[in-house]
Amino acid sequence: MREIYIKNIRGEDHAMDQLSLDPAEIHELNHRREAVRAAIELMTKQQHVEVLHLLSKSLSAKLNETRSGVYVNMAFLSESALKEIELFITHHVDQESYIRLAEDEKIALNSTLVQK
C-alpha cells in the first residue's frame, strides 16, 4: 500500500463551506486540519488504508492517486468528513493507550511472579 500525503491544509481559497465562516472559525478549522494531517503522518500503512476508506466515502474529499501514494486536498474536506477522521484518530489514540497500559500491567505482573 502506498502512503497518504496531505496537501493544501488551508482552505481559504478553495472550500465553499467556509464562505459563511468568520476569520476565527476559519483559523480553528485550519488548526483542526493541521492536527489531523500530523496525526495521519504518524500512522501505520494499515491505518492509512482505514483513513483512505473513510475519505473515499466522502463526496467532498479530493483524492489524487499517484505512483508514490494518494494525495488528499483537505481544503475541500467537509465538516462531517473531518469530524469522522478526528473520531477515528481519537479511537486510535485511546486504543494505543489501552494497549500500552495492558502491556505495562503484564510486565509488572511478570516481574512480580518472577521475584517470588
PDB file of N, CA and C in Angstrom:
ATOM      1  N   MET A   1       0.840  -1.182   0.000  1.00  0.00           N
ATOM      2  CA  MET A   1       0.000   0.000   0.000  1.00  0.00           C
ATOM      3  C   MET A   1       0.875   1.231   0.000  1.00  0.00           C
ATOM      4  N   ARG A   2       0.439   2.229  -0.725  1.00  0.00           N
ATOM      5  CA  ARG A   2       1.194   3.464  -0.805  1.00  0.00           C
ATOM      6  C   ARG A   2       0.834   4.389   0.349  1.00  0.00           C
ATOM      7  N   GLU A   3       1.618   5.435   0.510  1.00  0.00           N
ATOM      8  CA  GLU A   3       1.421   6.414   1.573  1.00  0.00           C
ATOM      9  C   GLU A   3       0.248   7.344   1.248  1.00  0.00           C
ATOM     10  N   ILE A   4      -0.265   7.998   2.280  1.00  0.00           N
ATOM     11  CA  ILE A   4      -1.250   9.064   2.106  1.00  0.00           C
ATOM     12  C   ILE A   4      -0.520  10.376   2.344  1.00  0.00           C
ATOM     13  N   TYR A   5      -0.603  11.284   1.411  1.00  0.00           N
ATOM     14  CA  TYR A   5       0.013  12.596   1.548  1.00  0.00           C
ATOM     15  C   TYR A   5      -1.091  13.632   1.670  1.00  0.00           C
ATOM     16  N   ILE A   6      -0.941  14.503   2.630  1.00  0.00           N
ATOM     17  CA  ILE A   6      -1.935  15.540   2.858  1.00  0.00           C
ATOM     18  C   ILE A   6      -1.370  16.851   2.319  1.00  0.00           C
ATOM     19  N   LYS A   7      -2.142  17.537   1.505  1.00  0.00           N
ATOM     20  CA  LYS A   7      -1.676  18.830   0.998  1.00  0.00           C
ATOM     21  C   LYS A   7      -2.797  19.855   1.110  1.00  0.00           C
ATOM     22  N   ASN A   8      -2.416  21.090   0.985  1.00  0.00           N
ATOM     23  CA  ASN A   8      -3.348  22.213   0.967  1.00  0.00           C
ATOM     24  C   ASN A   8      -4.260  22.197   2.187  1.00  0.00           C
ATOM     25  N   ILE A   9      -3.653  22.290   3.354  1.00  0.00           N
ATOM     26  CA  ILE A   9      -4.392  22.270   4.607  1.00  0.00           C
ATOM     27  C   ILE A   9      -5.290  23.494   4.703  1.00  0.00           C
ATOM     28  N   ARG A  10      -4.759  24.639   4.366  1.00  0.00           N
ATOM     29  CA  ARG A  10      -5.514  25.876   4.492  1.00  0.00           C
ATOM     30  C   ARG A  10      -6.509  25.995   3.349  1.00  0.00           C
ATOM     31  N   GLY A  11      -7.767  26.230   3.701  1.00  0.00           N
ATOM     32  CA  GLY A  11      -8.815  26.182   2.694  1.00  0.00           C
ATOM     33  C   GLY A  11      -9.441  27.511   2.368  1.00  0.00           C
ATOM     34  N   GLU A  12      -8.806  28.630   2.730  1.00  0.00           N
ATOM     35  CA  GLU A  12      -9.429  29.920   2.498  1.00  0.00           C
ATOM     36  C   GLU A  12      -9.775  30.136   1.025  1.00  0.00           C
ATOM     37  N   ASP A  13      -8.944  29.632   0.135  1.00  0.00           N
ATOM     38  CA  ASP A  13      -9.137  29.878  -1.283  1.00  0.00           C
ATOM     39  C   ASP A  13     -10.072  28.888  -1.957  1.00  0.00           C
ATOM     40  N   HIS A  14     -10.334  27.743  -1.321  1.00  0.00           N
ATOM     41  CA  HIS A  14     -10.999  26.675  -2.041  1.00  0.00           C
ATOM     42  C   HIS A  14     -12.336  26.210  -1.479  1.00  0.00           C
ATOM     43  N   ALA A  15     -12.445  26.081  -0.191  1.00  0.00           N
ATOM     44  CA  ALA A  15     -13.616  25.401   0.367  1.00  0.00           C
ATOM     45  C   ALA A  15     -14.842  26.304   0.364  1.00  0.00           C
ATOM     46  N   MET A  16     -15.869  25.867  -0.330  1.00  0.00           N
ATOM     47  CA  MET A  16     -17.102  26.638  -0.427  1.00  0.00           C
ATOM     48  C   MET A  16     -17.838  26.712   0.902  1.00  0.00           C
ATOM     49  N   ASP A  17     -17.668  25.699   1.755  1.00  0.00           N
ATOM     50  CA  ASP A  17     -18.386  25.705   3.020  1.00  0.00           C
ATOM     51  C   ASP A  17     -17.819  26.721   3.999  1.00  0.00           C
ATOM     52  N   GLN A  18     -16.703  27.349   3.659  1.00  0.00           N
ATOM     53  CA  GLN A  18     -16.112  28.337   4.543  1.00  0.00           C
ATOM     54  C   GLN A  18     -16.574  29.754   4.243  1.00  0.00           C
ATOM     55  N   LEU A  19     -17.373  29.939   3.234  1.00  0.00           N
ATOM     56  CA  LEU A  19     -17.784  31.284   2.859  1.00  0.00           C
ATOM     57  C   LEU A  19     -18.531  32.002   3.964  1.00  0.00           C
ATOM     58  N   SER A  20     -19.280  31.289   4.780  1.00  0.00           N
ATOM     59  CA  SER A  20     -20.057  31.916   5.835  1.00  0.00           C
ATOM     60  C   SER A  20     -19.331  31.944   7.179  1.00  0.00           C
ATOM     61  N   LEU A  21     -18.093  31.499   7.244  1.00  0.00           N
ATOM     62  CA  LEU A  21     -17.346  31.458   8.499  1.00  0.00           C
ATOM     63  C   LEU A  21     -16.580  32.756   8.718  1.00  0.00           C
ATOM     64  N   ASP A  22     -16.480  33.143   9.988  1.00  0.00           N
ATOM     65  CA  ASP A  22     -15.672  34.324  10.285  1.00  0.00           C
ATOM     66  C   ASP A  22     -14.204  33.903  10.387  1.00  0.00           C
ATOM     67  N   PRO A  23     -13.274  34.856  10.415  1.00  0.00           N
ATOM     68  CA  PRO A  23     -11.839  34.514  10.426  1.00  0.00           C
ATOM     69  C   PRO A  23     -11.425  33.610  11.587  1.00  0.00           C
ATOM     70  N   ALA A  24     -12.028  33.787  12.760  1.00  0.00           N
ATOM     71  CA  ALA A  24     -11.686  32.929  13.896  1.00  0.00           C
ATOM     72  C   ALA A  24     -12.092  31.483  13.638  1.00  0.00           C
ATOM     73  N   GLU A  25     -13.258  31.284  13.029  1.00  0.00           N
ATOM     74  CA  GLU A  25     -13.722  29.932  12.711  1.00  0.00           C
ATOM     75  C   GLU A  25     -12.847  29.296  11.636  1.00  0.00           C
ATOM     76  N   ILE A  26     -12.431  30.087  10.661  1.00  0.00           N
ATOM     77  CA  ILE A  26     -11.538  29.580   9.615  1.00  0.00           C
ATOM     78  C   ILE A  26     -10.203  29.173  10.225  1.00  0.00           C
ATOM     79  N   HIS A  27      -9.686  29.989  11.139  1.00  0.00           N
ATOM     80  CA  HIS A  27      -8.420  29.670  11.812  1.00  0.00           C
ATOM     81  C   HIS A  27      -8.552  28.361  12.601  1.00  0.00           C
ATOM     82  N   GLU A  28      -9.659  28.199  13.311  1.00  0.00           N
ATOM     83  CA  GLU A  28      -9.889  26.988  14.102  1.00  0.00           C
ATOM     84  C   GLU A  28     -10.008  25.763  13.193  1.00  0.00           C
ATOM     85  N   LEU A  29     -10.695  25.910  12.063  1.00  0.00           N
ATOM     86  CA  LEU A  29     -10.840  24.810  11.114  1.00  0.00           C
ATOM     87  C   LEU A  29      -9.486  24.423  10.531  1.00  0.00           C
ATOM     88  N   ASN A  30      -8.670  25.413  10.190  1.00  0.00           N
ATOM     89  CA  ASN A  30      -7.334  25.125   9.664  1.00  0.00           C
ATOM     90  C   ASN A  30      -6.455  24.454  10.716  1.00  0.00           C
ATOM     91  N   HIS A  31      -6.602  24.860  11.969  1.00  0.00           N
ATOM     92  CA  HIS A  31      -5.860  24.228  13.060  1.00  0.00           C
ATOM     93  C   HIS A  31      -6.266  22.755  13.185  1.00  0.00           C
ATOM     94  N   ARG A  32      -7.559  22.466  13.086  1.00  0.00           N
ATOM     95  CA  ARG A  32      -8.045  21.078  13.139  1.00  0.00           C
ATOM     96  C   ARG A  32      -7.487  20.272  11.977  1.00  0.00           C
ATOM     97  N   ARG A  33      -7.484  20.855  10.781  1.00  0.00           N
ATOM     98  CA  ARG A  33      -6.934  20.156   9.608  1.00  0.00           C
ATOM     99  C   ARG A  33      -5.453  19.838   9.813  1.00  0.00           C
ATOM    100  N   GLU A  34      -4.725  20.790  10.360  1.00  0.00           N
ATOM    101  CA  GLU A  34      -3.292  20.580  10.598  1.00  0.00           C
ATOM    102  C   GLU A  34      -3.078  19.464  11.621  1.00  0.00           C
ATOM    103  N   ALA A  35      -3.887  19.427  12.674  1.00  0.00           N
ATOM    104  CA  ALA A  35      -3.776  18.373  13.683  1.00  0.00           C
ATOM    105  C   ALA A  35      -4.079  17.005  13.071  1.00  0.00           C
ATOM    106  N   VAL A  36      -5.086  16.935  12.214  1.00  0.00           N
ATOM    107  CA  VAL A  36      -5.431  15.680  11.543  1.00  0.00           C
ATOM    108  C   VAL A  36      -4.288  15.252  10.631  1.00  0.00           C
ATOM    109  N   ARG A  37      -3.718  16.191   9.882  1.00  0.00           N
ATOM    110  CA  ARG A  37      -2.607  15.876   8.989  1.00  0.00           C
ATOM    111  C   ARG A  37      -1.439  15.304   9.787  1.00  0.00           C
ATOM    112  N   ALA A  38      -1.087  15.948  10.893  1.00  0.00           N
ATOM    113  CA  ALA A  38       0.039  15.494  11.711  1.00  0.00           C
ATOM    114  C   ALA A  38      -0.220  14.103  12.276  1.00  0.00           C
ATOM    115  N   ALA A  39      -1.431  13.853  12.721  1.00  0.00           N
ATOM    116  CA  ALA A  39      -1.770  12.538  13.275  1.00  0.00           C
ATOM    117  C   ALA A  39      -1.710  11.452  12.203  1.00  0.00           C
ATOM    118  N   ILE A  40      -2.203  11.749  11.017  1.00  0.00           N
ATOM    119  CA  ILE A  40      -2.183  10.763   9.923  1.00  0.00           C
ATOM    120  C   ILE A  40      -0.752  10.426   9.529  1.00  0.00           C
ATOM    121  N   GLU A  41       0.129  11.418   9.518  1.00  0.00           N
ATOM    122  CA  GLU A  41       1.520  11.156   9.140  1.00  0.00           C
ATOM    123  C   GLU A  41       2.203  10.167  10.079  1.00  0.00           C
ATOM    124  N   LEU A  42       1.754  10.098  11.335  1.00  0.00           N
ATOM    125  CA  LEU A  42       2.369   9.200  12.311  1.00  0.00           C
ATOM    126  C   LEU A  42       1.785   7.788  12.284  1.00  0.00           C
ATOM    127  N   MET A  43       0.745   7.576  11.498  1.00  0.00           N
ATOM    128  CA  MET A  43       0.057   6.290  11.490  1.00  0.00           C
ATOM    129  C   MET A  43       0.776   5.263  10.624  1.00  0.00           C
ATOM    130  N   THR A  44       0.409   4.009  10.854  1.00  0.00           N
ATOM    131  CA  THR A  44       0.951   2.903  10.061  1.00  0.00           C
ATOM    132  C   THR A  44       0.243   2.849   8.701  1.00  0.00           C
ATOM    133  N   LYS A  45       0.768   2.030   7.819  1.00  0.00           N
ATOM    134  CA  LYS A  45       0.148   1.889   6.497  1.00  0.00           C
ATOM    135  C   LYS A  45      -1.271   1.330   6.598  1.00  0.00           C
ATOM    136  N   GLN A  46      -1.495   0.386   7.513  1.00  0.00           N
ATOM    137  CA  GLN A  46      -2.836  -0.176   7.690  1.00  0.00           C
ATOM    138  C   GLN A  46      -3.809   0.918   8.131  1.00  0.00           C
ATOM    139  N   GLN A  47      -3.369   1.763   9.029  1.00  0.00           N
ATOM    140  CA  GLN A  47      -4.223   2.867   9.467  1.00  0.00           C
ATOM    141  C   GLN A  47      -4.453   3.862   8.334  1.00  0.00           C
ATOM    142  N   HIS A  48      -3.435   4.056   7.474  1.00  0.00           N
ATOM    143  CA  HIS A  48      -3.613   4.904   6.290  1.00  0.00           C
ATOM    144  C   HIS A  48      -4.730   4.356   5.405  1.00  0.00           C
ATOM    145  N   VAL A  49      -4.755   3.044   5.270  1.00  0.00           N
ATOM    146  CA  VAL A  49      -5.799   2.412   4.452  1.00  0.00           C
ATOM    147  C   VAL A  49      -7.173   2.704   5.049  1.00  0.00           C
ATOM    148  N   GLU A  50      -7.281   2.625   6.363  1.00  0.00           N
ATOM    149  CA  GLU A  50      -8.564   2.895   7.012  1.00  0.00           C
ATOM    150  C   GLU A  50      -8.976   4.357   6.841  1.00  0.00           C
ATOM    151  N   VAL A  51      -8.023   5.282   6.967  1.00  0.00           N
ATOM    152  CA  VAL A  51      -8.327   6.701   6.757  1.00  0.00           C
ATOM    153  C   VAL A  51      -8.741   6.929   5.304  1.00  0.00           C
ATOM    154  N   LEU A  52      -8.034   6.309   4.390  1.00  0.00           N
ATOM    155  CA  LEU A  52      -8.378   6.451   2.975  1.00  0.00           C
ATOM    156  C   LEU A  52      -9.771   5.919   2.694  1.00  0.00           C
ATOM    157  N   HIS A  53     -10.149   4.829   3.358  1.00  0.00           N
ATOM    158  CA  HIS A  53     -11.500   4.289   3.211  1.00  0.00           C
ATOM    159  C   HIS A  53     -12.528   5.310   3.701  1.00  0.00           C
ATOM    160  N   LEU A  54     -12.267   5.943   4.835  1.00  0.00           N
ATOM    161  CA  LEU A  54     -13.169   6.984   5.335  1.00  0.00           C
ATOM    162  C   LEU A  54     -13.259   8.155   4.360  1.00  0.00           C
ATOM    163  N   LEU A  55     -12.115   8.556   3.821  1.00  0.00           N
ATOM    164  CA  LEU A  55     -12.096   9.676   2.875  1.00  0.00           C
ATOM    165  C   LEU A  55     -12.808   9.337   1.578  1.00  0.00           C
ATOM    166  N   SER A  56     -12.677   8.105   1.129  1.00  0.00           N
ATOM    167  CA  SER A  56     -13.289   7.729  -0.143  1.00  0.00           C
ATOM    168  C   SER A  56     -14.814   7.729  -0.062  1.00  0.00           C
ATOM    169  N   LYS A  57     -15.359   7.580   1.158  1.00  0.00           N
ATOM    170  CA  LYS A  57     -16.816   7.643   1.318  1.00  0.00           C
ATOM    171  C   LYS A  57     -17.341   9.074   1.255  1.00  0.00           C
ATOM    172  N   SER A  58     -16.463  10.044   1.460  1.00  0.00           N
ATOM    173  CA  SER A  58     -16.878  11.443   1.473  1.00  0.00           C
ATOM    174  C   SER A  58     -16.897  12.003   0.052  1.00  0.00           C
ATOM    175  N   LEU A  59     -18.002  12.594  -0.329  1.00  0.00           N
ATOM    176  CA  LEU A  59     -18.097  13.199  -1.652  1.00  0.00           C
ATOM    177  C   LEU A  59     -17.255  14.463  -1.758  1.00  0.00           C
ATOM    178  N   SER A  60     -16.942  15.074  -0.617  1.00  0.00           N
ATOM    179  CA  SER A  60     -16.182  16.317  -0.637  1.00  0.00           C
ATOM    180  C   SER A  60     -14.676  16.097  -0.735  1.00  0.00           C
ATOM    181  N   ALA A  61     -14.204  14.894  -0.465  1.00  0.00           N
ATOM    182  CA  ALA A  61     -12.762  14.631  -0.460  1.00  0.00           C
ATOM    183  C   ALA A  61     -12.200  14.656  -1.872  1.00  0.00           C
ATOM    184  N   LYS A  62     -11.105  15.372  -2.030  1.00  0.00           N
ATOM    185  CA  LYS A  62     -10.389  15.422  -3.305  1.00  0.00           C
ATOM    186  C   LYS A  62      -9.145  14.552  -3.178  1.00  0.00           C
ATOM    187  N   LEU A  63      -9.184  13.386  -3.813  1.00  0.00           N
ATOM    188  CA  LEU A  63      -8.096  12.417  -3.742  1.00  0.00           C
ATOM    189  C   LEU A  63      -7.422  12.310  -5.097  1.00  0.00           C
ATOM    190  N   ASN A  64      -6.097  12.338  -5.108  1.00  0.00           N
ATOM    191  CA  ASN A  64      -5.325  12.171  -6.333  1.00  0.00           C
ATOM    192  C   ASN A  64      -4.341  11.038  -6.120  1.00  0.00           C
ATOM    193  N   GLU A  65      -4.487   9.966  -6.884  1.00  0.00           N
ATOM    194  CA  GLU A  65      -3.617   8.807  -6.737  1.00  0.00           C
ATOM    195  C   GLU A  65      -2.440   8.927  -7.693  1.00  0.00           C
ATOM    196  N   THR A  66      -1.238   8.696  -7.160  1.00  0.00           N
ATOM    197  CA  THR A  66      -0.016   8.695  -7.959  1.00  0.00           C
ATOM    198  C   THR A  66       0.727   7.401  -7.677  1.00  0.00           C
ATOM    199  N   ARG A  67       1.873   7.233  -8.296  1.00  0.00           N
ATOM    200  CA  ARG A  67       2.675   6.026  -8.052  1.00  0.00           C
ATOM    201  C   ARG A  67       3.158   5.950  -6.609  1.00  0.00           C
ATOM    202  N   SER A  68       3.462   7.104  -6.028  1.00  0.00           N
ATOM    203  CA  SER A  68       4.030   7.100  -4.681  1.00  0.00           C
ATOM    204  C   SER A  68       2.984   7.126  -3.583  1.00  0.00           C
ATOM    205  N   GLY A  69       1.729   7.367  -3.905  1.00  0.00           N
ATOM    206  CA  GLY A  69       0.708   7.382  -2.870  1.00  0.00           C
ATOM    207  C   GLY A  69      -0.543   8.113  -3.291  1.00  0.00           C
ATOM    208  N   VAL A  70      -1.344   8.447  -2.301  1.00  0.00           N
ATOM    209  CA  VAL A  70      -2.595   9.160  -2.530  1.00  0.00           C
ATOM    210  C   VAL A  70      -2.469  10.528  -1.877  1.00  0.00           C
ATOM    211  N   TYR A  71      -2.695  11.559  -2.667  1.00  0.00           N
ATOM    212  CA  TYR A  71      -2.654  12.922  -2.147  1.00  0.00           C
ATOM    213  C   TYR A  71      -4.072  13.358  -1.820  1.00  0.00           C
ATOM    214  N   VAL A  72      -4.220  13.995  -0.658  1.00  0.00           N
ATOM    215  CA  VAL A  72      -5.528  14.440  -0.187  1.00  0.00           C
ATOM    216  C   VAL A  72      -5.490  15.952  -0.061  1.00  0.00           C
ATOM    217  N   ASN A  73      -6.414  16.623  -0.737  1.00  0.00           N
ATOM    218  CA  ASN A  73      -6.543  18.065  -0.614  1.00  0.00           C
ATOM    219  C   ASN A  73      -7.597  18.327   0.450  1.00  0.00           C
ATOM    220  N   MET A  74      -7.147  18.642   1.659  1.00  0.00           N
ATOM    221  CA  MET A  74      -8.060  18.799   2.784  1.00  0.00           C
ATOM    222  C   MET A  74      -8.859  20.090   2.739  1.00  0.00           C
ATOM    223  N   ALA A  75      -8.516  21.000   1.853  1.00  0.00           N
ATOM    224  CA  ALA A  75      -9.266  22.245   1.752  1.00  0.00           C
ATOM    225  C   ALA A  75     -10.712  21.987   1.326  1.00  0.00           C
ATOM    226  N   PHE A  76     -10.955  20.891   0.648  1.00  0.00           N
ATOM    227  CA  PHE A  76     -12.296  20.562   0.173  1.00  0.00           C
ATOM    228  C   PHE A  76     -13.042  19.621   1.118  1.00  0.00           C
ATOM    229  N   LEU A  77     -12.401  19.194   2.184  1.00  0.00           N
ATOM    230  CA  LEU A  77     -12.993  18.217   3.082  1.00  0.00           C
ATOM    231  C   LEU A  77     -14.142  18.830   3.887  1.00  0.00           C
ATOM    232  N   SER A  78     -15.271  18.160   3.874  1.00  0.00           N
ATOM    233  CA  SER A  78     -16.450  18.664   4.595  1.00  0.00           C
ATOM    234  C   SER A  78     -16.248  18.541   6.100  1.00  0.00           C
ATOM    235  N   GLU A  79     -17.058  19.269   6.845  1.00  0.00           N
ATOM    236  CA  GLU A  79     -17.016  19.217   8.306  1.00  0.00           C
ATOM    237  C   GLU A  79     -17.295  17.800   8.805  1.00  0.00           C
ATOM    238  N   SER A  80     -18.272  17.132   8.195  1.00  0.00           N
ATOM    239  CA  SER A  80     -18.613  15.777   8.648  1.00  0.00           C
ATOM    240  C   SER A  80     -17.473  14.794   8.380  1.00  0.00           C
ATOM    241  N   ALA A  81     -16.810  14.915   7.242  1.00  0.00           N
ATOM    242  CA  ALA A  81     -15.683  14.032   6.934  1.00  0.00           C
ATOM    243  C   ALA A  81     -14.518  14.301   7.880  1.00  0.00           C
ATOM    244  N   LEU A  82     -14.254  15.576   8.162  1.00  0.00           N
ATOM    245  CA  LEU A  82     -13.187  15.935   9.086  1.00  0.00           C
ATOM    246  C   LEU A  82     -13.486  15.384  10.480  1.00  0.00           C
ATOM    247  N   LYS A  83     -14.729  15.506  10.907  1.00  0.00           N
ATOM    248  CA  LYS A  83     -15.133  15.009  12.227  1.00  0.00           C
ATOM    249  C   LYS A  83     -15.001  13.488  12.294  1.00  0.00           C
ATOM    250  N   GLU A  84     -15.357  12.803  11.215  1.00  0.00           N
ATOM    251  CA  GLU A  84     -15.242  11.339  11.191  1.00  0.00           C
ATOM    252  C   GLU A  84     -13.783  10.903  11.311  1.00  0.00           C
ATOM    253  N   ILE A  85     -12.886  11.599  10.653  1.00  0.00           N
ATOM    254  CA  ILE A  85     -11.460  11.268  10.753  1.00  0.00           C
ATOM    255  C   ILE A  85     -10.939  11.598  12.148  1.00  0.00           C
ATOM    256  N   GLU A  86     -11.393  12.709  12.724  1.00  0.00           N
ATOM    257  CA  GLU A  86     -10.997  13.045  14.090  1.00  0.00           C
ATOM    258  C   GLU A  86     -11.449  11.971  15.071  1.00  0.00           C
ATOM    259  N   LEU A  87     -12.655  11.447  14.880  1.00  0.00           N
ATOM    260  CA  LEU A  87     -13.143  10.363  15.735  1.00  0.00           C
ATOM    261  C   LEU A  87     -12.290   9.103  15.573  1.00  0.00           C
ATOM    262  N   PHE A  88     -11.907   8.798  14.344  1.00  0.00           N
ATOM    263  CA  PHE A  88     -11.035   7.652  14.095  1.00  0.00           C
ATOM    264  C   PHE A  88      -9.696   7.838  14.804  1.00  0.00           C
ATOM    265  N   ILE A  89      -9.138   9.048  14.720  1.00  0.00           N
ATOM    266  CA  ILE A  89      -7.859   9.341  15.370  1.00  0.00           C
ATOM    267  C   ILE A  89      -7.995   9.197  16.885  1.00  0.00           C
ATOM    268  N   THR A  90      -9.074   9.732  17.450  1.00  0.00           N
ATOM    269  CA  THR A  90      -9.310   9.620  18.888  1.00  0.00           C
ATOM    270  C   THR A  90      -9.413   8.157  19.300  1.00  0.00           C
ATOM    271  N   HIS A  91     -10.155   7.376  18.520  1.00  0.00           N
ATOM    272  CA  HIS A  91     -10.283   5.942  18.802  1.00  0.00           C
ATOM    273  C   HIS A  91      -8.911   5.271  18.739  1.00  0.00           C
ATOM    274  N   HIS A  92      -8.130   5.608  17.737  1.00  0.00           N
ATOM    275  CA  HIS A  92      -6.794   5.030  17.567  1.00  0.00           C
ATOM    276  C   HIS A  92      -5.902   5.375  18.764  1.00  0.00           C
ATOM    277  N   VAL A  93      -5.913   6.626  19.199  1.00  0.00           N
ATOM    278  CA  VAL A  93      -5.087   7.049  20.333  1.00  0.00           C
ATOM    279  C   VAL A  93      -5.530   6.339  21.607  1.00  0.00           C
ATOM    280  N   ASP A  94      -6.850   6.260  21.828  1.00  0.00           N
ATOM    281  CA  ASP A  94      -7.371   5.556  23.007  1.00  0.00           C
ATOM    282  C   ASP A  94      -6.963   4.089  22.995  1.00  0.00           C
ATOM    283  N   GLN A  95      -7.081   3.462  21.841  1.00  0.00           N
ATOM    284  CA  GLN A  95      -6.729   2.053  21.700  1.00  0.00           C
ATOM    285  C   GLN A  95      -5.243   1.830  22.011  1.00  0.00           C
ATOM    286  N   GLU A  96      -4.389   2.708  21.490  1.00  0.00           N
ATOM    287  CA  GLU A  96      -2.948   2.606  21.774  1.00  0.00           C
ATOM    288  C   GLU A  96      -2.674   2.765  23.259  1.00  0.00           C
ATOM    289  N   SER A  97      -3.381   3.677  23.924  1.00  0.00           N
ATOM    290  CA  SER A  97      -3.196   3.887  25.367  1.00  0.00           C
ATOM    291  C   SER A  97      -3.586   2.647  26.151  1.00  0.00           C
ATOM    292  N   TYR A  98      -4.717   2.043  25.797  1.00  0.00           N
ATOM    293  CA  TYR A  98      -5.163   0.826  26.476  1.00  0.00           C
ATOM    294  C   TYR A  98      -4.179  -0.317  26.262  1.00  0.00           C
ATOM    295  N   ILE A  99      -3.643  -0.427  25.071  1.00  0.00           N
ATOM    296  CA  ILE A  99      -2.669  -1.491  24.784  1.00  0.00           C
ATOM    297  C   ILE A  99      -1.409  -1.280  25.609  1.00  0.00           C
ATOM    298  N   ARG A 100      -0.912  -0.033  25.654  1.00  0.00           N
ATOM    299  CA  ARG A 100       0.275   0.263  26.454  1.00  0.00           C
ATOM    300  C   ARG A 100       0.037  -0.021  27.935  1.00  0.00           C
ATOM    301  N   LEU A 101      -1.124   0.358  28.428  1.00  0.00           N
ATOM    302  CA  LEU A 101      -1.464   0.108  29.828  1.00  0.00           C
ATOM    303  C   LEU A 101      -1.504  -1.394  30.123  1.00  0.00           C
ATOM    304  N   ALA A 102      -2.119  -2.164  29.227  1.00  0.00           N
ATOM    305  CA  ALA A 102      -2.184  -3.616  29.403  1.00  0.00           C
ATOM    306  C   ALA A 102      -0.785  -4.232  29.370  1.00  0.00           C
ATOM    307  N   GLU A 103       0.069  -3.737  28.474  1.00  0.00           N
ATOM    308  CA  GLU A 103       1.440  -4.249  28.399  1.00  0.00           C
ATOM    309  C   GLU A 103       2.217  -3.914  29.663  1.00  0.00           C
ATOM    310  N   ASP A 104       2.037  -2.705  30.190  1.00  0.00           N
ATOM    311  CA  ASP A 104       2.714  -2.320  31.434  1.00  0.00           C
ATOM    312  C   ASP A 104       2.259  -3.200  32.596  1.00  0.00           C
ATOM    313  N   GLU A 105       0.964  -3.481  32.672  1.00  0.00           N
ATOM    314  CA  GLU A 105       0.439  -4.349  33.726  1.00  0.00           C
ATOM    315  C   GLU A 105       0.987  -5.767  33.593  1.00  0.00           C
ATOM    316  N   LYS A 106       1.095  -6.220  32.359  1.00  0.00           N
ATOM    317  CA  LYS A 106       1.630  -7.555  32.111  1.00  0.00           C
ATOM    318  C   LYS A 106       3.087  -7.641  32.558  1.00  0.00           C
ATOM    319  N   ILE A 107       3.850  -6.625  32.235  1.00  0.00           N
ATOM    320  CA  ILE A 107       5.272  -6.602  32.641  1.00  0.00           C
ATOM    321  C   ILE A 107       5.383  -6.561  34.163  1.00  0.00           C
ATOM    322  N   ALA A 108       4.544  -5.759  34.795  1.00  0.00           N
ATOM    323  CA  ALA A 108       4.575  -5.662  36.274  1.00  0.00           C
ATOM    324  C   ALA A 108       4.203  -6.997  36.904  1.00  0.00           C
ATOM    325  N   LEU A 109       3.189  -7.660  36.385  1.00  0.00           N
ATOM    326  CA  LEU A 109       2.797  -8.973  36.922  1.00  0.00           C
ATOM    327  C   LEU A 109       3.881 -10.006  36.708  1.00  0.00           C
ATOM    328  N   ASN A 110       4.484  -9.998  35.529  1.00  0.00           N
ATOM    329  CA  ASN A 110       5.573 -10.953  35.246  1.00  0.00           C
ATOM    330  C   ASN A 110       6.751 -10.732  36.188  1.00  0.00           C
ATOM    331  N   SER A 111       7.111  -9.481  36.423  1.00  0.00           N
ATOM    332  CA  SER A 111       8.251  -9.216  37.311  1.00  0.00           C
ATOM    333  C   SER A 111       7.920  -9.603  38.745  1.00  0.00           C
ATOM    334  N   THR A 112       6.659  -9.423  39.148  1.00  0.00           N
ATOM    335  CA  THR A 112       6.251  -9.823  40.496  1.00  0.00           C
ATOM    336  C   THR A 112       6.300 -11.345  40.641  1.00  0.00           C
ATOM    337  N   LEU A 113       5.826 -12.053  39.638  1.00  0.00           N
ATOM    338  CA  LEU A 113       5.836 -13.512  39.685  1.00  0.00           C
ATOM    339  C   LEU A 113       7.257 -14.077  39.629  1.00  0.00           C
ATOM    340  N   VAL A 114       8.125 -13.453  38.880  1.00  0.00           N
ATOM    341  CA  VAL A 114       9.499 -13.921  38.753  1.00  0.00           C
ATOM    342  C   VAL A 114      10.247 -13.716  40.069  1.00  0.00           C
ATOM    343  N   GLN A 115       9.938 -12.640  40.786  1.00  0.00           N
ATOM    344  CA  GLN A 115      10.628 -12.349  42.054  1.00  0.00           C
ATOM    345  C   GLN A 115      10.222 -13.328  43.161  1.00  0.00           C
ATOM    346  N   LYS A 116       9.074 -13.929  43.071  1.00  0.00           N
ATOM    347  CA  LYS A 116       8.592 -14.839  44.133  1.00  0.00           C
ATOM    348  C   LYS A 116       9.123 -16.213  43.980  1.00  0.00           C
TER     349      LYS A 116
END
